[in-house]
C-alpha atoms as a PDB file:
ATOM      1  CA  MET A   1      16.791 -27.130   8.059  1.00  0.00           C
ATOM      2  CA  LYS A   2      18.055 -30.516   9.180  1.00  0.00           C
ATOM      3  CA  THR A   3      18.999 -33.548   7.100  1.00  0.00           C
ATOM      4  CA  ASN A   4      17.116 -36.703   8.002  1.00  0.00           C
ATOM      5  CA  THR A   5      19.492 -39.285   9.444  1.00  0.00           C
ATOM      6  CA  PRO A   6      18.985 -41.936  12.132  1.00  0.00           C
ATOM      7  CA  SER A   7      20.859 -39.736  14.603  1.00  0.00           C
ATOM      8  CA  LEU A   8      17.793 -37.463  14.758  1.00  0.00           C
ATOM      9  CA  TRP A   9      15.396 -40.141  15.977  1.00  0.00           C
ATOM     10  CA  GLN A  10      17.186 -43.413  16.727  1.00  0.00           C
ATOM     11  CA  ASN A  11      17.135 -42.819  20.484  1.00  0.00           C
ATOM     12  CA  THR A  12      13.322 -42.568  20.404  1.00  0.00           C
ATOM     13  CA  LEU A  13      12.723 -45.751  18.383  1.00  0.00           C
ATOM     14  CA  PRO A  14      10.472 -48.173  20.278  1.00  0.00           C
ATOM     15  CA  LEU A  15      12.127 -51.425  21.307  1.00  0.00           C
ATOM     16  CA  LYS A  16      10.382 -54.457  22.732  1.00  0.00           C
ATOM     17  CA  THR A  17      11.978 -55.339  26.031  1.00  0.00           C
ATOM     18  CA  GLY A  18      10.918 -56.808  29.363  1.00  0.00           C
ATOM     19  CA  LYS A  19       7.703 -58.632  30.185  1.00  0.00           C
ATOM     20  CA  HIS A  20       5.192 -56.355  28.506  1.00  0.00           C
ATOM     21  CA  HIS A  21       1.933 -57.348  26.809  1.00  0.00           C
ATOM     22  CA  LYS A  22       0.788 -56.310  23.330  1.00  0.00           C
ATOM     23  CA  TYR A  23      -1.114 -53.220  24.442  1.00  0.00           C
ATOM     24  CA  HIS A  24       2.087 -51.822  25.920  1.00  0.00           C
ATOM     25  CA  TYR A  25       3.226 -51.468  22.299  1.00  0.00           C
ATOM     26  CA  GLY A  26       0.053 -49.795  21.163  1.00  0.00           C
ATOM     27  CA  HIS A  27      -3.193 -50.458  19.349  1.00  0.00           C
ATOM     28  CA  ALA A  28      -3.407 -48.941  15.874  1.00  0.00           C
ATOM     29  CA  LEU A  29      -6.655 -48.507  13.953  1.00  0.00           C
ATOM     30  CA  ILE A  30      -6.545 -48.462  10.162  1.00  0.00           C
ATOM     31  CA  TYR A  31      -9.794 -47.219   8.625  1.00  0.00           C
ATOM     32  CA  GLY A  32     -10.304 -49.437   5.586  1.00  0.00           C
ATOM     33  CA  ALA A  33     -11.202 -48.172   2.139  1.00  0.00           C
ATOM     34  CA  PRO A  34     -14.596 -49.117   0.682  1.00  0.00           C
ATOM     35  CA  GLN A  35     -13.210 -50.275  -2.683  1.00  0.00           C
ATOM     36  CA  LEU A  36      -9.447 -49.907  -3.013  1.00  0.00           C
ATOM     37  CA  THR A  37      -8.803 -52.542  -0.387  1.00  0.00           C
ATOM     38  CA  GLY A  38      -5.200 -53.092  -1.447  1.00  0.00           C
ATOM     39  CA  ALA A  39      -4.148 -49.668  -0.169  1.00  0.00           C
ATOM     40  CA  SER A  40      -5.604 -50.294   3.278  1.00  0.00           C
ATOM     41  CA  THR A  41      -4.111 -53.789   3.333  1.00  0.00           C
ATOM     42  CA  LEU A  42      -0.626 -52.444   2.594  1.00  0.00           C
ATOM     43  CA  ALA A  43      -0.951 -49.791   5.298  1.00  0.00           C
ATOM     44  CA  ALA A  44      -2.195 -52.246   7.924  1.00  0.00           C
ATOM     45  CA  SER A  45       0.493 -54.794   7.077  1.00  0.00           C
ATOM     46  CA  ALA A  46       3.262 -52.185   7.336  1.00  0.00           C
ATOM     47  CA  CYS A  47       1.852 -50.931  10.635  1.00  0.00           C
ATOM     48  CA  ALA A  48       1.925 -54.411  12.144  1.00  0.00           C
ATOM     49  CA  ARG A  49       5.360 -55.260  10.735  1.00  0.00           C
ATOM     50  CA  ILE A  50       7.017 -52.150  12.211  1.00  0.00           C
ATOM     51  CA  GLY A  51       5.978 -53.326  15.669  1.00  0.00           C
ATOM     52  CA  ALA A  52       2.523 -52.099  16.725  1.00  0.00           C
ATOM     53  CA  GLY A  53       1.306 -54.407  19.476  1.00  0.00           C
ATOM     54  CA  LEU A  54      -2.093 -54.780  17.828  1.00  0.00           C
ATOM     55  CA  THR A  55      -3.286 -53.593  14.435  1.00  0.00           C
ATOM     56  CA  THR A  56      -7.014 -53.482  13.743  1.00  0.00           C
ATOM     57  CA  LEU A  57      -8.553 -52.658  10.387  1.00  0.00           C
ATOM     58  CA  ILE A  58     -11.957 -50.996  10.613  1.00  0.00           C
ATOM     59  CA  ALA A  59     -13.806 -52.464   7.643  1.00  0.00           C
ATOM     60  CA  PRO A  60     -16.836 -51.034   5.848  1.00  0.00           C
ATOM     61  CA  THR A  61     -19.790 -53.413   6.017  1.00  0.00           C
ATOM     62  CA  GLN A  62     -19.693 -54.180   2.305  1.00  0.00           C
ATOM     63  CA  THR A  63     -16.057 -55.317   2.355  1.00  0.00           C
ATOM     64  CA  ASP A  64     -15.538 -56.816   5.805  1.00  0.00           C
ATOM     65  CA  THR A  65     -15.551 -60.384   4.482  1.00  0.00           C
ATOM     66  CA  LEU A  66     -13.023 -59.464   1.806  1.00  0.00           C
ATOM     67  CA  TYR A  67     -10.685 -57.907   4.353  1.00  0.00           C
ATOM     68  CA  ARG A  68     -10.957 -60.959   6.605  1.00  0.00           C
ATOM     69  CA  THR A  69      -9.945 -63.087   3.636  1.00  0.00           C
ATOM     70  CA  ILE A  70      -6.972 -61.103   2.351  1.00  0.00           C
ATOM     71  CA  LEU A  71      -5.418 -59.819   5.571  1.00  0.00           C
ATOM     72  CA  PRO A  72      -2.996 -62.002   7.571  1.00  0.00           C
ATOM     73  CA  PRO A  73      -4.381 -63.520  10.782  1.00  0.00           C
ATOM     74  CA  HIS A  74      -2.406 -61.211  13.083  1.00  0.00           C
ATOM     75  CA  ILE A  75      -4.422 -58.202  11.874  1.00  0.00           C
ATOM     76  CA  MET A  76      -7.897 -57.938  13.349  1.00  0.00           C
ATOM     77  CA  VAL A  77     -10.864 -56.884  11.214  1.00  0.00           C
ATOM     78  CA  ARG A  78     -13.730 -55.174  13.022  1.00  0.00           C
ATOM     79  CA  SER A  79     -16.511 -52.691  12.390  1.00  0.00           C
ATOM     80  CA  ALA A  80     -16.523 -49.138  13.693  1.00  0.00           C
ATOM     81  CA  ASN A  81     -19.379 -50.038  16.051  1.00  0.00           C
ATOM     82  CA  ASP A  82     -17.139 -52.614  17.758  1.00  0.00           C
ATOM     83  CA  ILE A  83     -14.624 -49.992  18.863  1.00  0.00           C
ATOM     84  CA  LYS A  84     -15.047 -47.551  21.731  1.00  0.00           C
ATOM     85  CA  ARG A  85     -13.879 -44.140  20.583  1.00  0.00           C
ATOM     86  CA  ASP A  86     -12.339 -43.300  23.964  1.00  0.00           C
ATOM     87  CA  ASP A  87     -10.598 -46.664  24.537  1.00  0.00           C
ATOM     88  CA  PRO A  88      -7.273 -45.592  26.108  1.00  0.00           C
ATOM     89  CA  ARG A  89      -5.513 -48.576  24.540  1.00  0.00           C
ATOM     90  CA  ILE A  90      -5.927 -47.015  21.076  1.00  0.00           C
ATOM     91  CA  THR A  91      -2.711 -45.101  20.494  1.00  0.00           C
ATOM     92  CA  ALA A  92      -2.816 -44.294  16.761  1.00  0.00           C
ATOM     93  CA  ARG A  93      -5.343 -43.996  13.941  1.00  0.00           C
ATOM     94  CA  LEU A  94      -4.858 -43.845  10.182  1.00  0.00           C
ATOM     95  CA  TYR A  95      -7.456 -42.518   7.779  1.00  0.00           C
ATOM     96  CA  GLY A  96      -7.363 -42.254   4.030  1.00  0.00           C
ATOM     97  CA  PRO A  97      -5.343 -44.916   2.170  1.00  0.00           C
ATOM     98  CA  GLY A  98      -7.527 -46.082  -0.713  1.00  0.00           C
ATOM     99  CA  GLY A  99     -10.491 -43.919   0.300  1.00  0.00           C
ATOM    100  CA  ILE A 100     -12.727 -43.243   3.284  1.00  0.00           C
ATOM    101  CA  THR A 101     -16.210 -44.302   4.325  1.00  0.00           C
ATOM    102  CA  GLU A 102     -16.552 -41.763   7.124  1.00  0.00           C
ATOM    103  CA  GLN A 103     -14.988 -38.418   7.883  1.00  0.00           C
ATOM    104  CA  PRO A 104     -11.940 -38.532  10.152  1.00  0.00           C
ATOM    105  CA  ASP A 105     -12.335 -37.494  13.748  1.00  0.00           C
ATOM    106  CA  PHE A 106     -10.632 -34.105  14.082  1.00  0.00           C
ATOM    107  CA  THR A 107     -11.176 -33.836  17.841  1.00  0.00           C
ATOM    108  CA  ILE A 108      -8.936 -36.610  19.155  1.00  0.00           C
ATOM    109  CA  GLU A 109      -6.505 -35.569  21.863  1.00  0.00           C
ATOM    110  CA  GLY A 110      -3.323 -37.292  22.918  1.00  0.00           C
ATOM    111  CA  SER A 111      -3.089 -40.301  20.613  1.00  0.00           C
ATOM    112  CA  ALA A 112      -1.672 -39.939  17.108  1.00  0.00           C
ATOM    113  CA  VAL A 113      -3.859 -39.443  14.040  1.00  0.00           C
ATOM    114  CA  ILE A 114      -2.414 -39.764  10.538  1.00  0.00           C
ATOM    115  CA  LEU A 115      -4.374 -38.356   7.593  1.00  0.00           C
ATOM    116  CA  ASP A 116      -3.421 -39.599   4.143  1.00  0.00           C
ATOM    117  CA  ALA A 117      -4.833 -39.482   0.604  1.00  0.00           C
ATOM    118  CA  ASP A 118      -8.638 -39.020   0.617  1.00  0.00           C
ATOM    119  CA  ALA A 119      -8.611 -37.950   4.275  1.00  0.00           C
ATOM    120  CA  LEU A 120      -6.852 -34.750   3.168  1.00  0.00           C
ATOM    121  CA  LYS A 121      -9.750 -33.532   1.046  1.00  0.00           C
ATOM    122  CA  THR A 122     -11.789 -31.914   3.832  1.00  0.00           C
ATOM    123  CA  LEU A 123      -9.620 -30.480   6.573  1.00  0.00           C
ATOM    124  CA  PRO A 124     -10.619 -28.188   9.433  1.00  0.00           C
ATOM    125  CA  ALA A 125      -9.015 -24.784   9.873  1.00  0.00           C
ATOM    126  CA  ARG A 126      -6.743 -26.098  12.626  1.00  0.00           C
ATOM    127  CA  LEU A 127      -5.642 -29.412  14.103  1.00  0.00           C
ATOM    128  CA  ALA A 128      -3.044 -30.204  16.783  1.00  0.00           C
ATOM    129  CA  THR A 129       0.438 -31.652  17.065  1.00  0.00           C
ATOM    130  CA  ASN A 130      -0.892 -35.199  17.548  1.00  0.00           C
ATOM    131  CA  TYR A 131      -2.043 -35.063  13.903  1.00  0.00           C
ATOM    132  CA  ALA A 132       0.146 -35.684  10.856  1.00  0.00           C
ATOM    133  CA  LEU A 133      -0.791 -35.016   7.237  1.00  0.00           C
ATOM    134  CA  THR A 134       1.030 -37.021   4.555  1.00  0.00           C
ATOM    135  CA  PRO A 135       0.293 -35.418   1.167  1.00  0.00           C
ATOM    136  CA  HIS A 136       2.190 -35.730  -2.079  1.00  0.00           C
ATOM    137  CA  GLN A 137       2.671 -32.445  -3.909  1.00  0.00           C
ATOM    138  CA  GLY A 138      -0.645 -32.526  -5.768  1.00  0.00           C
ATOM    139  CA  GLU A 139      -2.611 -33.248  -2.602  1.00  0.00           C
ATOM    140  CA  PHE A 140      -0.729 -30.508  -0.762  1.00  0.00           C
ATOM    141  CA  ASP A 141      -1.485 -27.965  -3.493  1.00  0.00           C
ATOM    142  CA  ARG A 142      -5.189 -28.809  -3.355  1.00  0.00           C
ATOM    143  CA  ALA A 143      -5.304 -28.639   0.455  1.00  0.00           C
ATOM    144  CA  PHE A 144      -3.356 -25.363   0.720  1.00  0.00           C
ATOM    145  CA  PRO A 145      -3.954 -23.451  -2.526  1.00  0.00           C
ATOM    146  CA  THR A 146      -3.309 -19.985  -1.077  1.00  0.00           C
ATOM    147  CA  LEU A 147       0.130 -20.607   0.423  1.00  0.00           C
ATOM    148  CA  LYS A 148       3.006 -18.893  -1.378  1.00  0.00           C
ATOM    149  CA  GLY A 149       6.781 -19.261  -1.466  1.00  0.00           C
ATOM    150  CA  THR A 150       9.241 -22.077  -1.934  1.00  0.00           C
ATOM    151  CA  ARG A 151       8.279 -25.663  -1.303  1.00  0.00           C
ATOM    152  CA  GLU A 152       9.973 -25.491   2.090  1.00  0.00           C
ATOM    153  CA  GLN A 153       8.267 -22.227   2.999  1.00  0.00           C
ATOM    154  CA  ARG A 154       4.868 -23.579   2.031  1.00  0.00           C
ATOM    155  CA  ALA A 155       5.359 -26.784   4.038  1.00  0.00           C
ATOM    156  CA  GLN A 156       6.359 -24.781   7.115  1.00  0.00           C
ATOM    157  CA  ALA A 157       3.488 -22.355   6.629  1.00  0.00           C
ATOM    158  CA  ALA A 158       1.034 -25.250   6.453  1.00  0.00           C
ATOM    159  CA  ALA A 159       2.446 -26.784   9.643  1.00  0.00           C
ATOM    160  CA  ASP A 160       2.235 -23.447  11.457  1.00  0.00           C
ATOM    161  CA  LYS A 161      -1.269 -22.746  10.146  1.00  0.00           C
ATOM    162  CA  MET A 162      -2.644 -26.187  11.019  1.00  0.00           C
ATOM    163  CA  GLN A 163      -0.514 -26.660  14.156  1.00  0.00           C
ATOM    164  CA  CYS A 164       0.220 -30.224  13.065  1.00  0.00           C
ATOM    165  CA  ILE A 165       2.950 -32.261  11.380  1.00  0.00           C
ATOM    166  CA  ILE A 166       3.230 -32.068   7.590  1.00  0.00           C
ATOM    167  CA  VAL A 167       5.004 -34.829   5.657  1.00  0.00           C
ATOM    168  CA  LEU A 168       5.273 -33.431   2.146  1.00  0.00           C
ATOM    169  CA  LYS A 169       6.271 -36.422   0.043  1.00  0.00           C
ATOM    170  CA  GLY A 170       8.466 -36.303  -3.029  1.00  0.00           C
ATOM    171  CA  GLU A 171      11.960 -36.981  -4.328  1.00  0.00           C
ATOM    172  CA  THR A 172      12.938 -34.863  -1.345  1.00  0.00           C
ATOM    173  CA  THR A 173      10.427 -35.341   1.458  1.00  0.00           C
ATOM    174  CA  LEU A 174       9.943 -32.531   3.967  1.00  0.00           C
ATOM    175  CA  ILE A 175       8.822 -33.103   7.554  1.00  0.00           C
ATOM    176  CA  ALA A 176       7.567 -29.808   8.957  1.00  0.00           C
ATOM    177  CA  ALA A 177       6.281 -29.158  12.469  1.00  0.00           C
ATOM    178  CA  PRO A 178       5.017 -25.957  14.095  1.00  0.00           C
ATOM    179  CA  ASN A 179       7.869 -23.648  15.110  1.00  0.00           C
ATOM    180  CA  GLN A 180      10.602 -26.239  14.489  1.00  0.00           C
ATOM    181  CA  ASP A 181      13.268 -26.757  11.859  1.00  0.00           C
ATOM    182  CA  ILE A 182      12.174 -28.646   8.779  1.00  0.00           C
ATOM    183  CA  ILE A 183      13.659 -32.110   8.422  1.00  0.00           C
ATOM    184  CA  GLN A 184      14.702 -32.756   4.835  1.00  0.00           C
ATOM    185  CA  ASN A 185      14.871 -36.353   3.638  1.00  0.00           C
ATOM    186  CA  THR A 186      16.937 -37.163   0.559  1.00  0.00           C
ATOM    187  CA  HIS A 187      17.345 -40.831   1.474  1.00  0.00           C
ATOM    188  CA  ALA A 188      15.109 -42.085  -1.318  1.00  0.00           C
ATOM    189  CA  THR A 189      15.288 -43.825  -4.679  1.00  0.00           C
ATOM    190  CA  PRO A 190      13.287 -43.762  -7.932  1.00  0.00           C
ATOM    191  CA  TRP A 191      12.237 -47.342  -7.161  1.00  0.00           C
ATOM    192  CA  LEU A 192       9.739 -45.882  -4.678  1.00  0.00           C
ATOM    193  CA  ALA A 193       7.735 -44.446  -7.577  1.00  0.00           C
ATOM    194  CA  THR A 194       5.306 -47.358  -7.557  1.00  0.00           C
ATOM    195  CA  ALA A 195       1.652 -47.812  -6.652  1.00  0.00           C
ATOM    196  CA  GLY A 196       1.068 -48.360  -2.940  1.00  0.00           C
ATOM    197  CA  SER A 197       4.416 -47.001  -1.758  1.00  0.00           C
ATOM    198  CA  GLY A 198       2.722 -44.097   0.030  1.00  0.00           C
ATOM    199  CA  ASP A 199       0.270 -46.452   1.737  1.00  0.00           C
ATOM    200  CA  VAL A 200       3.192 -48.407   3.168  1.00  0.00           C
ATOM    201  CA  LEU A 201       4.773 -45.182   4.434  1.00  0.00           C
ATOM    202  CA  ALA A 202       1.532 -44.152   6.135  1.00  0.00           C
ATOM    203  CA  GLY A 203       1.385 -47.557   7.806  1.00  0.00           C
ATOM    204  CA  ILE A 204       4.962 -47.313   9.076  1.00  0.00           C
ATOM    205  CA  ILE A 205       4.307 -43.858  10.543  1.00  0.00           C
ATOM    206  CA  THR A 206       1.167 -45.168  12.238  1.00  0.00           C
ATOM    207  CA  GLY A 207       2.925 -48.229  13.636  1.00  0.00           C
ATOM    208  CA  LEU A 208       5.766 -46.205  15.131  1.00  0.00           C
ATOM    209  CA  ALA A 209       3.390 -43.595  16.541  1.00  0.00           C
ATOM    210  CA  ALA A 210       1.220 -46.347  18.017  1.00  0.00           C
ATOM    211  CA  GLN A 211       4.234 -47.390  20.098  1.00  0.00           C
ATOM    212  CA  ASN A 212       4.317 -43.864  21.577  1.00  0.00           C
ATOM    213  CA  MET A 213       7.246 -42.642  19.533  1.00  0.00           C
ATOM    214  CA  PRO A 214       6.988 -38.818  19.350  1.00  0.00           C
ATOM    215  CA  LEU A 215       5.054 -38.061  16.179  1.00  0.00           C
ATOM    216  CA  ARG A 216       7.578 -35.764  14.486  1.00  0.00           C
ATOM    217  CA  GLU A 217      10.344 -38.303  15.074  1.00  0.00           C
ATOM    218  CA  ALA A 218       8.050 -41.149  14.005  1.00  0.00           C
ATOM    219  CA  CYS A 219       7.422 -39.383  10.696  1.00  0.00           C
ATOM    220  CA  ALA A 220      11.125 -38.750  10.103  1.00  0.00           C
ATOM    221  CA  ALA A 221      12.068 -42.308  11.037  1.00  0.00           C
ATOM    222  CA  ALA A 222       9.360 -43.801   8.848  1.00  0.00           C
ATOM    223  CA  VAL A 223      10.448 -41.794   5.811  1.00  0.00           C
ATOM    224  CA  TRP A 224      14.075 -42.866   6.264  1.00  0.00           C
ATOM    225  CA  ILE A 225      13.207 -46.537   6.930  1.00  0.00           C
ATOM    226  CA  HIS A 226      10.899 -46.520   3.907  1.00  0.00           C
ATOM    227  CA  GLY A 227      13.763 -45.295   1.741  1.00  0.00           C
ATOM    228  CA  GLN A 228      16.247 -47.762   3.197  1.00  0.00           C
ATOM    229  CA  CYS A 229      13.870 -50.660   2.532  1.00  0.00           C
ATOM    230  CA  ALA A 230      13.800 -49.601  -1.122  1.00  0.00           C
ATOM    231  CA  HIS A 231      17.591 -49.327  -1.261  1.00  0.00           C
ATOM    232  CA  ASN A 232      17.920 -52.795   0.271  1.00  0.00           C
ATOM    233  CA  PHE A 233      15.527 -54.391  -2.194  1.00  0.00           C
ATOM    234  CA  GLY A 234      16.719 -52.668  -5.348  1.00  0.00           C
ATOM    235  CA  ASN A 235      15.134 -52.362  -8.750  1.00  0.00           C
ATOM    236  CA  HIS A 236      11.815 -53.973  -9.775  1.00  0.00           C
ATOM    237  CA  LEU A 237      10.359 -53.074  -6.392  1.00  0.00           C
ATOM    238  CA  VAL A 238       6.616 -53.238  -5.732  1.00  0.00           C
ATOM    239  CA  ALA A 239       5.022 -51.823  -2.600  1.00  0.00           C
ATOM    240  CA  SER A 240       4.609 -55.117  -0.747  1.00  0.00           C
ATOM    241  CA  ASP A 241       8.380 -55.685  -1.049  1.00  0.00           C
ATOM    242  CA  LEU A 242       8.915 -52.717   1.264  1.00  0.00           C
ATOM    243  CA  ILE A 243       7.035 -54.510   4.037  1.00  0.00           C
ATOM    244  CA  THR A 244       9.070 -57.699   3.736  1.00  0.00           C
ATOM    245  CA  GLU A 245      12.264 -55.604   3.902  1.00  0.00           C
ATOM    246  CA  ILE A 246      11.361 -53.926   7.209  1.00  0.00           C
ATOM    247  CA  PRO A 247      12.927 -56.541   9.545  1.00  0.00           C
ATOM    248  CA  ARG A 248      16.240 -56.606   7.681  1.00  0.00           C
ATOM    249  CA  THR A 249      16.342 -52.823   7.538  1.00  0.00           C
ATOM    250  CA  MET A 250      15.670 -52.456  11.255  1.00  0.00           C
ATOM    251  CA  LYS A 251      18.401 -54.967  12.132  1.00  0.00           C
ATOM    252  CA  GLN A 252      20.954 -52.837  10.300  1.00  0.00           C
ATOM    253  CA  PHE A 253      20.929 -50.088  12.919  1.00  0.00           C
ATOM    254  CA  LEU A 254      19.289 -51.541  16.032  1.00  0.00           C
END
């Protein structure tokens, strides 16, 4: 087991250099919730703030006008019919924060797919290493009720069974990948126990993965950055404060 520190992933962090255009830094799709629009908004905002070249929220028909109103202008709002599934410029997808209107695509190859919250309710028997699941303990227990052992053993067993990345959230967050050492993150604070914090984390993972950061390292980096943002802000934190802290946090070690 490894302890999560920047030394594990800092060399793979995406940096914007040279004369590149936005698609060089990825296009992330956030599949918007039908009702709990705040969760999707937090995730999309975090994804954009961490550096994704373009962040697009796929809005359900009944809430597309609402999303266009509440989201900042640098985040695009489109319908699923506007997006070509095989567009090579799409480098990451996030399903689940706040709810889902359609089942996630479990057949995507190459680009990263992050499954959070409601997207964890109906999983296939096997995925692939371009997929990451981000459950808290209750969601993990419901998704993998037959796994036995310690928390670490169960997280590793789930990663090996699904052949994907598992980010088991908690006071100590575990990042497990098939046939690799678990990364244990203790860089957290009780101030993260607030509504929407997990949606921000999912957005940060998606934004880093969209920039072609290796997915295991993107998950570990996102968990650490998420915790550092909370440490920087301090008490009385709400989820949106994490997003505003991202630039200051990144400047500390870049």
